[in-house]
Amino acid sequence: MQPMKVLVVSADPEVLEQMEVTARSVRRRLGPRESLEILEASDGVRAAKVAWRERPEVVLADEITSRAGAFALTKELKGADPPFAGKVVVLLDRSQDEWLAAWAGADGWAVKPLDPLALAELVAAQGDAAVAEEEAG
C-alpha cells in the first residue's frame, strides 16, 4: 500500500511546528499498517509544483504564505482542468476568511490558533475521502 502523502505549505516556523504535531497525530490515527509521507513547500508557487508532481492526498496550506498564498494555490489546484484530485485544507488566521476558503474551492479549513489533534482528525478524514474517491473513480 502506498503511503498517504500530505503536502504542508507555510513559511512560518511556528505553523510548521504545529503541522509536525498534526502529522504525528495523523500517523497514530493511521496505525502501523499505513504510513504517512510529509512533503513541504514554503510558498504557493513551490507548493503547486510539488502538488502536481507528487499528487498528495491532502494539501495543508497556511493562509499567510508568501508568493501565491493558500487561496491562490487552492484556486489554481481546484480550478484546473481536470481539477487536482487531492483535498486542500486551508489554515486561516481569522474566521472571517472562511468565505474566501470556500470561494477558492478548499475542501476544508481550520482557524488559528490551531488545535493539532482536531486538525489531525480533519487531515486524516480528508485523506480518507481522497483515497476513497481515487479507488472509486
N, C-alpha and C. Protein backbone atom coordinates (compact mmCIF):
# COMPACT_ATOMS: atom_id res chain seq x y z
N MET A 1 0.84 -1.18 0.00
CA MET A 1 0.00 0.00 0.00
C MET A 1 0.88 1.24 0.00
N GLN A 2 0.52 2.23 -0.83
CA GLN A 2 1.26 3.49 -0.92
C GLN A 2 1.03 4.31 0.34
N PRO A 3 2.05 5.07 0.77
CA PRO A 3 1.83 5.94 1.93
C PRO A 3 0.88 7.08 1.58
N MET A 4 0.13 7.54 2.58
CA MET A 4 -0.67 8.74 2.39
C MET A 4 0.30 9.91 2.35
N LYS A 5 0.17 10.77 1.33
CA LYS A 5 1.04 11.94 1.21
C LYS A 5 0.28 13.18 1.65
N VAL A 6 0.96 14.00 2.46
CA VAL A 6 0.41 15.28 2.90
C VAL A 6 1.44 16.35 2.58
N LEU A 7 1.03 17.35 1.82
CA LEU A 7 1.89 18.49 1.50
C LEU A 7 1.55 19.63 2.44
N VAL A 8 2.52 20.08 3.24
CA VAL A 8 2.33 21.21 4.14
C VAL A 8 2.99 22.44 3.54
N VAL A 9 2.26 23.56 3.57
CA VAL A 9 2.72 24.78 2.92
C VAL A 9 2.68 25.93 3.91
N SER A 10 3.86 26.40 4.30
CA SER A 10 3.95 27.56 5.18
C SER A 10 5.38 28.06 5.22
N ALA A 11 5.52 29.36 5.39
CA ALA A 11 6.84 29.96 5.58
C ALA A 11 7.08 30.25 7.05
N ASP A 12 6.08 30.01 7.89
CA ASP A 12 6.13 30.34 9.31
C ASP A 12 6.60 29.12 10.11
N PRO A 13 7.77 29.21 10.77
CA PRO A 13 8.30 28.07 11.53
C PRO A 13 7.34 27.59 12.63
N GLU A 14 6.62 28.51 13.25
CA GLU A 14 5.68 28.12 14.31
C GLU A 14 4.53 27.28 13.75
N VAL A 15 4.02 27.69 12.59
CA VAL A 15 2.94 26.93 11.96
C VAL A 15 3.46 25.58 11.50
N LEU A 16 4.67 25.54 10.95
CA LEU A 16 5.26 24.27 10.54
C LEU A 16 5.42 23.32 11.73
N GLU A 17 5.79 23.86 12.89
CA GLU A 17 5.91 23.03 14.09
C GLU A 17 4.55 22.45 14.47
N GLN A 18 3.49 23.26 14.39
CA GLN A 18 2.15 22.77 14.69
C GLN A 18 1.73 21.70 13.68
N MET A 19 2.13 21.89 12.43
CA MET A 19 1.82 20.90 11.40
C MET A 19 2.54 19.58 11.68
N GLU A 20 3.77 19.65 12.24
CA GLU A 20 4.50 18.43 12.58
C GLU A 20 3.77 17.65 13.68
N VAL A 21 3.24 18.37 14.68
CA VAL A 21 2.46 17.72 15.73
C VAL A 21 1.22 17.08 15.11
N THR A 22 0.60 17.79 14.19
CA THR A 22 -0.57 17.25 13.48
C THR A 22 -0.19 15.98 12.73
N ALA A 23 0.94 16.02 12.04
CA ALA A 23 1.38 14.84 11.26
C ALA A 23 1.60 13.64 12.17
N ARG A 24 2.21 13.85 13.34
CA ARG A 24 2.40 12.74 14.27
C ARG A 24 1.07 12.16 14.72
N SER A 25 0.09 13.03 14.92
CA SER A 25 -1.24 12.56 15.32
C SER A 25 -1.92 11.79 14.20
N VAL A 26 -1.73 12.25 12.96
CA VAL A 26 -2.30 11.53 11.81
C VAL A 26 -1.63 10.16 11.71
N ARG A 27 -0.31 10.09 11.90
CA ARG A 27 0.40 8.80 11.87
C ARG A 27 -0.18 7.83 12.89
N ARG A 28 -0.42 8.32 14.11
CA ARG A 28 -1.01 7.46 15.14
C ARG A 28 -2.40 6.99 14.74
N ARG A 29 -3.18 7.87 14.13
CA ARG A 29 -4.54 7.52 13.71
C ARG A 29 -4.51 6.46 12.61
N LEU A 30 -3.54 6.57 11.69
CA LEU A 30 -3.44 5.62 10.59
C LEU A 30 -3.04 4.23 11.08
N GLY A 31 -2.29 4.19 12.16
CA GLY A 31 -1.88 2.90 12.70
C GLY A 31 -0.67 2.33 11.99
N PRO A 32 -0.23 1.16 12.43
CA PRO A 32 1.01 0.57 11.91
C PRO A 32 0.89 0.05 10.47
N ARG A 33 -0.32 -0.17 9.97
CA ARG A 33 -0.47 -0.75 8.63
C ARG A 33 -0.24 0.28 7.52
N GLU A 34 -0.44 1.54 7.83
CA GLU A 34 -0.30 2.56 6.80
C GLU A 34 0.81 3.53 7.19
N SER A 35 1.40 4.15 6.21
CA SER A 35 2.44 5.13 6.51
C SER A 35 2.02 6.49 5.96
N LEU A 36 2.74 7.49 6.40
CA LEU A 36 2.45 8.87 6.02
C LEU A 36 3.73 9.51 5.53
N GLU A 37 3.66 10.15 4.37
CA GLU A 37 4.81 10.87 3.83
C GLU A 37 4.48 12.36 3.85
N ILE A 38 5.34 13.14 4.51
CA ILE A 38 5.13 14.59 4.62
C ILE A 38 6.02 15.27 3.58
N LEU A 39 5.40 16.09 2.75
CA LEU A 39 6.10 16.91 1.77
C LEU A 39 6.00 18.36 2.24
N GLU A 40 6.97 19.19 1.95
CA GLU A 40 6.95 20.58 2.41
C GLU A 40 7.22 21.54 1.28
N ALA A 41 6.59 22.71 1.37
CA ALA A 41 6.86 23.83 0.46
C ALA A 41 6.69 25.11 1.27
N SER A 42 7.52 26.10 0.98
CA SER A 42 7.48 27.33 1.75
C SER A 42 6.57 28.40 1.15
N ASP A 43 6.11 28.19 -0.08
CA ASP A 43 5.20 29.15 -0.69
C ASP A 43 4.29 28.46 -1.70
N GLY A 44 3.27 29.20 -2.15
CA GLY A 44 2.28 28.63 -3.05
C GLY A 44 2.82 28.24 -4.42
N VAL A 45 3.81 28.96 -4.92
CA VAL A 45 4.39 28.65 -6.22
C VAL A 45 5.07 27.29 -6.17
N ARG A 46 5.91 27.09 -5.16
CA ARG A 46 6.58 25.79 -5.00
C ARG A 46 5.56 24.69 -4.69
N ALA A 47 4.57 25.03 -3.88
CA ALA A 47 3.57 24.03 -3.49
C ALA A 47 2.81 23.51 -4.70
N ALA A 48 2.46 24.38 -5.64
CA ALA A 48 1.73 23.94 -6.83
C ALA A 48 2.58 22.94 -7.62
N LYS A 49 3.86 23.24 -7.76
CA LYS A 49 4.74 22.32 -8.49
C LYS A 49 4.83 20.96 -7.80
N VAL A 50 4.99 20.99 -6.47
CA VAL A 50 5.08 19.75 -5.71
C VAL A 50 3.75 18.98 -5.79
N ALA A 51 2.64 19.69 -5.66
CA ALA A 51 1.32 19.04 -5.68
C ALA A 51 1.09 18.32 -7.01
N TRP A 52 1.39 18.97 -8.12
CA TRP A 52 1.16 18.33 -9.42
C TRP A 52 2.13 17.17 -9.67
N ARG A 53 3.36 17.30 -9.16
CA ARG A 53 4.35 16.23 -9.36
C ARG A 53 4.10 15.03 -8.44
N GLU A 54 3.83 15.29 -7.17
CA GLU A 54 3.74 14.22 -6.17
C GLU A 54 2.32 13.71 -5.93
N ARG A 55 1.31 14.49 -6.30
CA ARG A 55 -0.10 14.10 -6.14
C ARG A 55 -0.46 13.67 -4.72
N PRO A 56 -0.24 14.55 -3.72
CA PRO A 56 -0.59 14.18 -2.35
C PRO A 56 -2.11 14.06 -2.18
N GLU A 57 -2.50 13.26 -1.21
CA GLU A 57 -3.93 13.13 -0.91
C GLU A 57 -4.46 14.40 -0.26
N VAL A 58 -3.60 15.09 0.52
CA VAL A 58 -4.02 16.31 1.21
C VAL A 58 -2.94 17.37 1.07
N VAL A 59 -3.38 18.59 0.76
CA VAL A 59 -2.53 19.78 0.80
C VAL A 59 -3.02 20.61 1.98
N LEU A 60 -2.13 20.90 2.90
CA LEU A 60 -2.44 21.68 4.10
C LEU A 60 -1.71 23.00 3.97
N ALA A 61 -2.43 24.08 3.63
CA ALA A 61 -1.81 25.34 3.26
C ALA A 61 -2.13 26.46 4.25
N ASP A 62 -1.10 27.12 4.74
CA ASP A 62 -1.23 28.27 5.62
C ASP A 62 -1.74 29.45 4.81
N GLU A 63 -2.75 30.15 5.35
CA GLU A 63 -3.32 31.30 4.64
C GLU A 63 -2.26 32.34 4.29
N ILE A 64 -1.41 32.64 5.24
CA ILE A 64 -0.38 33.66 5.02
C ILE A 64 0.90 32.97 4.57
N THR A 65 0.98 32.73 3.30
CA THR A 65 2.15 32.11 2.70
C THR A 65 2.64 33.05 1.61
N SER A 66 3.92 33.36 1.62
CA SER A 66 4.44 34.30 0.63
C SER A 66 4.36 33.71 -0.77
N ARG A 67 4.41 34.57 -1.77
CA ARG A 67 4.38 34.17 -3.18
C ARG A 67 3.24 33.20 -3.46
N ALA A 68 2.11 33.73 -3.73
CA ALA A 68 0.91 32.94 -4.02
C ALA A 68 0.47 32.21 -2.76
N GLY A 69 -0.41 32.82 -2.01
CA GLY A 69 -0.88 32.27 -0.75
C GLY A 69 -1.82 31.09 -0.93
N ALA A 70 -2.41 30.68 0.17
CA ALA A 70 -3.26 29.49 0.20
C ALA A 70 -4.47 29.61 -0.72
N PHE A 71 -5.08 30.79 -0.80
CA PHE A 71 -6.26 30.94 -1.64
C PHE A 71 -5.90 30.83 -3.12
N ALA A 72 -4.79 31.46 -3.51
CA ALA A 72 -4.34 31.37 -4.91
C ALA A 72 -3.95 29.93 -5.25
N LEU A 73 -3.27 29.27 -4.32
CA LEU A 73 -2.89 27.87 -4.53
C LEU A 73 -4.13 27.00 -4.69
N THR A 74 -5.10 27.18 -3.80
CA THR A 74 -6.33 26.38 -3.86
C THR A 74 -7.06 26.62 -5.17
N LYS A 75 -7.19 27.89 -5.57
CA LYS A 75 -7.85 28.22 -6.84
C LYS A 75 -7.14 27.56 -8.01
N GLU A 76 -5.80 27.60 -7.99
CA GLU A 76 -5.03 27.00 -9.09
C GLU A 76 -5.25 25.50 -9.15
N LEU A 77 -5.20 24.83 -8.01
CA LEU A 77 -5.34 23.37 -7.99
C LEU A 77 -6.77 22.93 -8.30
N LYS A 78 -7.73 23.53 -7.65
CA LYS A 78 -9.12 23.10 -7.80
C LYS A 78 -9.76 23.64 -9.07
N GLY A 79 -9.20 24.71 -9.63
CA GLY A 79 -9.75 25.29 -10.85
C GLY A 79 -9.14 24.74 -12.12
N ALA A 80 -8.17 23.86 -11.99
CA ALA A 80 -7.50 23.28 -13.16
C ALA A 80 -8.47 22.34 -13.88
N ASP A 81 -8.14 22.04 -15.13
CA ASP A 81 -8.96 21.11 -15.91
C ASP A 81 -8.08 19.96 -16.37
N PRO A 82 -8.19 18.79 -15.80
CA PRO A 82 -9.10 18.41 -14.71
C PRO A 82 -8.59 18.95 -13.38
N PRO A 83 -9.49 19.10 -12.39
CA PRO A 83 -9.06 19.63 -11.09
C PRO A 83 -8.16 18.66 -10.34
N PHE A 84 -7.36 19.22 -9.47
CA PHE A 84 -6.49 18.43 -8.59
C PHE A 84 -7.36 17.46 -7.80
N ALA A 85 -6.97 16.20 -7.78
CA ALA A 85 -7.80 15.16 -7.15
C ALA A 85 -7.69 15.13 -5.63
N GLY A 86 -6.59 15.61 -5.08
CA GLY A 86 -6.43 15.60 -3.63
C GLY A 86 -7.30 16.64 -2.95
N LYS A 87 -7.30 16.60 -1.65
CA LYS A 87 -8.06 17.54 -0.84
C LYS A 87 -7.17 18.69 -0.42
N VAL A 88 -7.74 19.90 -0.37
CA VAL A 88 -6.99 21.08 0.06
C VAL A 88 -7.64 21.63 1.34
N VAL A 89 -6.83 21.75 2.39
CA VAL A 89 -7.26 22.30 3.67
C VAL A 89 -6.46 23.58 3.90
N VAL A 90 -7.16 24.68 4.20
CA VAL A 90 -6.52 25.97 4.40
C VAL A 90 -6.54 26.32 5.89
N LEU A 91 -5.40 26.79 6.38
CA LEU A 91 -5.29 27.27 7.75
C LEU A 91 -5.51 28.77 7.75
N LEU A 92 -6.58 29.20 8.38
CA LEU A 92 -6.99 30.60 8.36
C LEU A 92 -6.50 31.36 9.58
N ASP A 93 -6.17 32.64 9.38
CA ASP A 93 -5.79 33.49 10.50
C ASP A 93 -7.00 34.01 11.25
N ARG A 94 -8.15 34.08 10.59
CA ARG A 94 -9.37 34.58 11.23
C ARG A 94 -10.59 33.94 10.60
N SER A 95 -11.62 33.76 11.39
CA SER A 95 -12.83 33.07 10.92
C SER A 95 -13.54 33.85 9.82
N GLN A 96 -13.33 35.16 9.75
CA GLN A 96 -13.96 35.97 8.71
C GLN A 96 -13.49 35.57 7.31
N ASP A 97 -12.42 34.81 7.21
CA ASP A 97 -11.90 34.40 5.90
C ASP A 97 -12.43 33.04 5.44
N GLU A 98 -13.36 32.45 6.19
CA GLU A 98 -13.92 31.17 5.79
C GLU A 98 -14.57 31.25 4.41
N TRP A 99 -15.22 32.37 4.11
CA TRP A 99 -15.86 32.51 2.80
C TRP A 99 -14.82 32.49 1.67
N LEU A 100 -13.63 33.04 1.94
CA LEU A 100 -12.57 33.01 0.93
C LEU A 100 -12.09 31.59 0.67
N ALA A 101 -11.99 30.81 1.74
CA ALA A 101 -11.59 29.41 1.58
C ALA A 101 -12.63 28.66 0.75
N ALA A 102 -13.90 28.90 1.04
CA ALA A 102 -14.97 28.24 0.27
C ALA A 102 -14.95 28.73 -1.18
N TRP A 103 -14.78 30.02 -1.39
CA TRP A 103 -14.74 30.59 -2.74
C TRP A 103 -13.59 30.00 -3.56
N ALA A 104 -12.44 29.80 -2.90
CA ALA A 104 -11.26 29.27 -3.60
C ALA A 104 -11.42 27.79 -3.93
N GLY A 105 -12.37 27.12 -3.27
CA GLY A 105 -12.59 25.70 -3.54
C GLY A 105 -11.97 24.76 -2.53
N ALA A 106 -11.58 25.29 -1.37
CA ALA A 106 -10.98 24.44 -0.33
C ALA A 106 -11.96 23.36 0.10
N ASP A 107 -11.43 22.20 0.38
CA ASP A 107 -12.26 21.09 0.86
C ASP A 107 -12.50 21.18 2.36
N GLY A 108 -11.68 21.95 3.05
CA GLY A 108 -11.83 22.15 4.48
C GLY A 108 -10.93 23.27 4.93
N TRP A 109 -11.15 23.73 6.17
CA TRP A 109 -10.30 24.78 6.73
C TRP A 109 -10.36 24.70 8.24
N ALA A 110 -9.35 25.30 8.86
CA ALA A 110 -9.27 25.41 10.31
C ALA A 110 -8.78 26.81 10.63
N VAL A 111 -9.28 27.37 11.73
CA VAL A 111 -8.93 28.73 12.13
C VAL A 111 -7.90 28.67 13.25
N LYS A 112 -6.85 29.48 13.11
CA LYS A 112 -5.81 29.59 14.13
C LYS A 112 -6.38 30.32 15.34
N PRO A 113 -5.94 30.05 16.56
CA PRO A 113 -4.87 29.11 16.88
C PRO A 113 -5.33 27.67 16.65
N LEU A 114 -4.40 26.87 16.19
CA LEU A 114 -4.72 25.51 15.79
C LEU A 114 -4.75 24.56 16.97
N ASP A 115 -5.67 23.64 16.92
CA ASP A 115 -5.68 22.50 17.84
C ASP A 115 -5.12 21.35 17.01
N PRO A 116 -3.85 20.96 17.25
CA PRO A 116 -3.23 19.94 16.41
C PRO A 116 -4.00 18.62 16.34
N LEU A 117 -4.67 18.24 17.43
CA LEU A 117 -5.41 16.98 17.42
C LEU A 117 -6.67 17.09 16.56
N ALA A 118 -7.38 18.22 16.67
CA ALA A 118 -8.56 18.42 15.83
C ALA A 118 -8.16 18.56 14.36
N LEU A 119 -7.04 19.24 14.12
CA LEU A 119 -6.54 19.37 12.76
C LEU A 119 -6.13 18.01 12.21
N ALA A 120 -5.55 17.17 13.04
CA ALA A 120 -5.17 15.82 12.61
C ALA A 120 -6.40 15.03 12.18
N GLU A 121 -7.49 15.15 12.92
CA GLU A 121 -8.73 14.46 12.54
C GLU A 121 -9.23 14.97 11.19
N LEU A 122 -9.18 16.31 10.98
CA LEU A 122 -9.61 16.89 9.71
C LEU A 122 -8.74 16.40 8.56
N VAL A 123 -7.42 16.43 8.75
CA VAL A 123 -6.49 15.99 7.70
C VAL A 123 -6.69 14.50 7.40
N ALA A 124 -6.81 13.69 8.44
CA ALA A 124 -7.00 12.25 8.23
C ALA A 124 -8.31 11.97 7.51
N ALA A 125 -9.37 12.67 7.90
CA ALA A 125 -10.68 12.48 7.25
C ALA A 125 -10.62 12.89 5.78
N GLN A 126 -9.96 14.00 5.49
CA GLN A 126 -9.81 14.44 4.10
C GLN A 126 -8.96 13.44 3.32
N GLY A 127 -7.92 12.93 3.94
CA GLY A 127 -7.08 11.91 3.29
C GLY A 127 -7.86 10.66 3.00
N ASP A 128 -8.66 10.21 3.97
CA ASP A 128 -9.51 9.03 3.75
C ASP A 128 -10.48 9.25 2.60
N ALA A 129 -11.06 10.46 2.54
CA ALA A 129 -12.01 10.77 1.47
C ALA A 129 -11.30 10.79 0.11
N ALA A 130 -10.11 11.33 0.05
CA ALA A 130 -9.35 11.37 -1.20
C ALA A 130 -9.02 9.96 -1.68
N VAL A 131 -8.61 9.10 -0.76
CA VAL A 131 -8.28 7.71 -1.11
C VAL A 131 -9.53 6.99 -1.61
N ALA A 132 -10.65 7.18 -0.91
CA ALA A 132 -11.91 6.52 -1.31
C ALA A 132 -12.34 6.97 -2.69
N GLU A 133 -12.22 8.27 -2.97
CA GLU A 133 -12.60 8.80 -4.29
C GLU A 133 -11.68 8.24 -5.38
N GLU A 134 -10.40 8.14 -5.06
CA GLU A 134 -9.43 7.61 -6.03
C GLU A 134 -9.73 6.14 -6.36
N GLU A 135 -10.04 5.37 -5.32
CA GLU A 135 -10.33 3.96 -5.52
C GLU A 135 -11.65 3.75 -6.27
N ALA A 136 -12.61 4.65 -6.07
CA ALA A 136 -13.93 4.52 -6.72
C ALA A 136 -13.88 4.99 -8.17
N GLY A 137 -12.95 5.91 -8.46
CA GLY A 137 -13.02 6.52 -9.76
C GLY A 137 -12.03 6.16 -10.74
